[in-house]
Amino acid sequence: MNKEANIDDVQEPINNASAEVRQIIEQVCKLEKIRLDKKINSHINDDILRIVKDAVR
């Protein structure tokens, strides 16, 4: 199997998700990238909960 097929397999659930789910995934990924860039080791659960609540509203 080639790399392009593997990437498509990984992206498939995201591509087929509802707009709200994609929004949550994108925001959580951005948050995690910021945390990794700044080497922040604090808890992320509260931030993820806020993202989910905002998307559900």
N, C-alpha and C. Protein backbone atom coordinates (compact mmCIF):
# COMPACT_ATOMS: atom_id res chain seq x y z
N MET A 1 0.85 -1.18 0.00
CA MET A 1 0.00 0.00 0.00
C MET A 1 0.90 1.25 0.00
N ASN A 2 0.55 2.24 -0.78
CA ASN A 2 1.38 3.43 -0.85
C ASN A 2 1.01 4.43 0.24
N LYS A 3 1.87 5.42 0.42
CA LYS A 3 1.67 6.42 1.48
C LYS A 3 0.41 7.24 1.25
N GLU A 4 0.11 7.55 0.00
CA GLU A 4 -1.08 8.36 -0.29
C GLU A 4 -2.35 7.64 0.13
N ALA A 5 -2.43 6.35 -0.07
CA ALA A 5 -3.59 5.57 0.35
C ALA A 5 -3.69 5.56 1.88
N ASN A 6 -2.57 5.46 2.56
CA ASN A 6 -2.57 5.47 4.02
C ASN A 6 -3.07 6.81 4.55
N ILE A 7 -2.66 7.91 3.95
CA ILE A 7 -3.10 9.23 4.37
C ILE A 7 -4.60 9.36 4.14
N ASP A 8 -5.09 8.87 3.01
CA ASP A 8 -6.52 8.92 2.73
C ASP A 8 -7.30 8.12 3.77
N ASP A 9 -6.78 6.97 4.17
CA ASP A 9 -7.44 6.15 5.18
C ASP A 9 -7.54 6.88 6.51
N VAL A 10 -6.50 7.61 6.87
CA VAL A 10 -6.48 8.34 8.14
C VAL A 10 -7.43 9.54 8.06
N GLN A 11 -7.46 10.22 6.94
CA GLN A 11 -8.27 11.42 6.77
C GLN A 11 -9.75 11.12 6.55
N GLU A 12 -10.09 9.92 6.14
CA GLU A 12 -11.46 9.58 5.77
C GLU A 12 -12.49 9.89 6.87
N PRO A 13 -12.28 9.49 8.12
CA PRO A 13 -13.28 9.81 9.15
C PRO A 13 -13.44 11.31 9.36
N ILE A 14 -12.36 12.06 9.22
CA ILE A 14 -12.44 13.51 9.39
C ILE A 14 -13.18 14.13 8.21
N ASN A 15 -12.86 13.69 7.01
CA ASN A 15 -13.50 14.24 5.82
C ASN A 15 -15.00 13.95 5.79
N ASN A 16 -15.42 12.84 6.35
CA ASN A 16 -16.83 12.46 6.34
C ASN A 16 -17.58 12.91 7.58
N ALA A 17 -16.91 13.56 8.50
CA ALA A 17 -17.55 14.01 9.75
C ALA A 17 -18.43 15.23 9.48
N SER A 18 -19.33 15.47 10.40
CA SER A 18 -20.19 16.65 10.30
C SER A 18 -19.33 17.91 10.49
N ALA A 19 -19.89 19.04 10.12
CA ALA A 19 -19.16 20.30 10.25
C ALA A 19 -18.77 20.58 11.70
N GLU A 20 -19.66 20.24 12.63
CA GLU A 20 -19.38 20.47 14.05
C GLU A 20 -18.20 19.62 14.52
N VAL A 21 -18.17 18.37 14.10
CA VAL A 21 -17.08 17.47 14.51
C VAL A 21 -15.76 17.93 13.90
N ARG A 22 -15.79 18.33 12.64
CA ARG A 22 -14.56 18.85 12.01
C ARG A 22 -14.07 20.09 12.73
N GLN A 23 -14.99 20.95 13.14
CA GLN A 23 -14.62 22.17 13.88
C GLN A 23 -13.93 21.80 15.19
N ILE A 24 -14.47 20.83 15.90
CA ILE A 24 -13.88 20.38 17.17
C ILE A 24 -12.48 19.82 16.92
N ILE A 25 -12.35 18.98 15.93
CA ILE A 25 -11.05 18.36 15.62
C ILE A 25 -10.02 19.43 15.28
N GLU A 26 -10.40 20.38 14.43
CA GLU A 26 -9.47 21.43 14.03
C GLU A 26 -9.03 22.28 15.22
N GLN A 27 -9.97 22.64 16.08
CA GLN A 27 -9.63 23.49 17.23
C GLN A 27 -8.77 22.75 18.24
N VAL A 28 -9.06 21.47 18.46
CA VAL A 28 -8.24 20.69 19.40
C VAL A 28 -6.83 20.51 18.84
N CYS A 29 -6.71 20.29 17.54
CA CYS A 29 -5.38 20.17 16.93
C CYS A 29 -4.59 21.47 17.05
N LYS A 30 -5.25 22.61 16.81
CA LYS A 30 -4.58 23.90 16.96
C LYS A 30 -4.13 24.11 18.40
N LEU A 31 -4.99 23.78 19.35
CA LEU A 31 -4.67 23.92 20.76
C LEU A 31 -3.47 23.06 21.12
N GLU A 32 -3.46 21.83 20.67
CA GLU A 32 -2.35 20.93 20.98
C GLU A 32 -1.06 21.42 20.33
N LYS A 33 -1.14 21.95 19.11
CA LYS A 33 0.06 22.48 18.46
C LYS A 33 0.64 23.63 19.27
N ILE A 34 -0.21 24.53 19.73
CA ILE A 34 0.25 25.65 20.56
C ILE A 34 0.91 25.13 21.83
N ARG A 35 0.28 24.14 22.45
CA ARG A 35 0.82 23.58 23.68
C ARG A 35 2.18 22.92 23.43
N LEU A 36 2.32 22.22 22.32
CA LEU A 36 3.60 21.58 22.01
C LEU A 36 4.67 22.62 21.69
N ASP A 37 4.29 23.65 20.93
CA ASP A 37 5.26 24.70 20.58
C ASP A 37 5.78 25.41 21.83
N LYS A 38 4.91 25.62 22.80
CA LYS A 38 5.29 26.33 24.02
C LYS A 38 5.75 25.38 25.12
N LYS A 39 5.73 24.08 24.81
CA LYS A 39 6.13 23.04 25.78
C LYS A 39 5.34 23.15 27.08
N ILE A 40 4.03 23.34 26.92
CA ILE A 40 3.12 23.43 28.07
C ILE A 40 2.68 22.01 28.44
N ASN A 41 2.86 21.65 29.69
CA ASN A 41 2.50 20.31 30.14
C ASN A 41 1.27 20.29 31.03
N SER A 42 0.52 21.38 31.05
CA SER A 42 -0.66 21.43 31.91
C SER A 42 -1.78 20.59 31.31
N HIS A 43 -2.84 20.45 32.08
CA HIS A 43 -3.98 19.65 31.64
C HIS A 43 -4.72 20.33 30.51
N ILE A 44 -5.16 19.55 29.55
CA ILE A 44 -5.83 20.08 28.38
C ILE A 44 -7.34 19.82 28.44
N ASN A 45 -7.79 19.01 29.38
CA ASN A 45 -9.19 18.59 29.42
C ASN A 45 -10.17 19.75 29.48
N ASP A 46 -9.90 20.75 30.30
CA ASP A 46 -10.81 21.89 30.42
C ASP A 46 -10.92 22.65 29.10
N ASP A 47 -9.81 22.78 28.41
CA ASP A 47 -9.82 23.48 27.12
C ASP A 47 -10.61 22.69 26.08
N ILE A 48 -10.45 21.38 26.07
CA ILE A 48 -11.19 20.54 25.13
C ILE A 48 -12.68 20.58 25.46
N LEU A 49 -13.02 20.54 26.72
CA LEU A 49 -14.42 20.62 27.13
C LEU A 49 -15.04 21.93 26.66
N ARG A 50 -14.31 23.03 26.79
CA ARG A 50 -14.80 24.33 26.33
C ARG A 50 -15.03 24.31 24.82
N ILE A 51 -14.11 23.74 24.07
CA ILE A 51 -14.22 23.66 22.62
C ILE A 51 -15.46 22.87 22.23
N VAL A 52 -15.68 21.74 22.89
CA VAL A 52 -16.84 20.90 22.57
C VAL A 52 -18.14 21.62 22.91
N LYS A 53 -18.19 22.25 24.08
CA LYS A 53 -19.40 22.98 24.48
C LYS A 53 -19.71 24.10 23.50
N ASP A 54 -18.70 24.82 23.06
CA ASP A 54 -18.90 25.92 22.10
C ASP A 54 -19.44 25.39 20.77
N ALA A 55 -18.94 24.24 20.34
CA ALA A 55 -19.38 23.66 19.06
C ALA A 55 -20.81 23.14 19.13
N VAL A 56 -21.19 22.65 20.30
CA VAL A 56 -22.54 22.08 20.47
C VAL A 56 -23.60 23.18 20.53
N ARG A 57 -23.24 24.33 21.06
CA ARG A 57 -24.21 25.42 21.18
C ARG A 57 -24.71 25.91 19.89
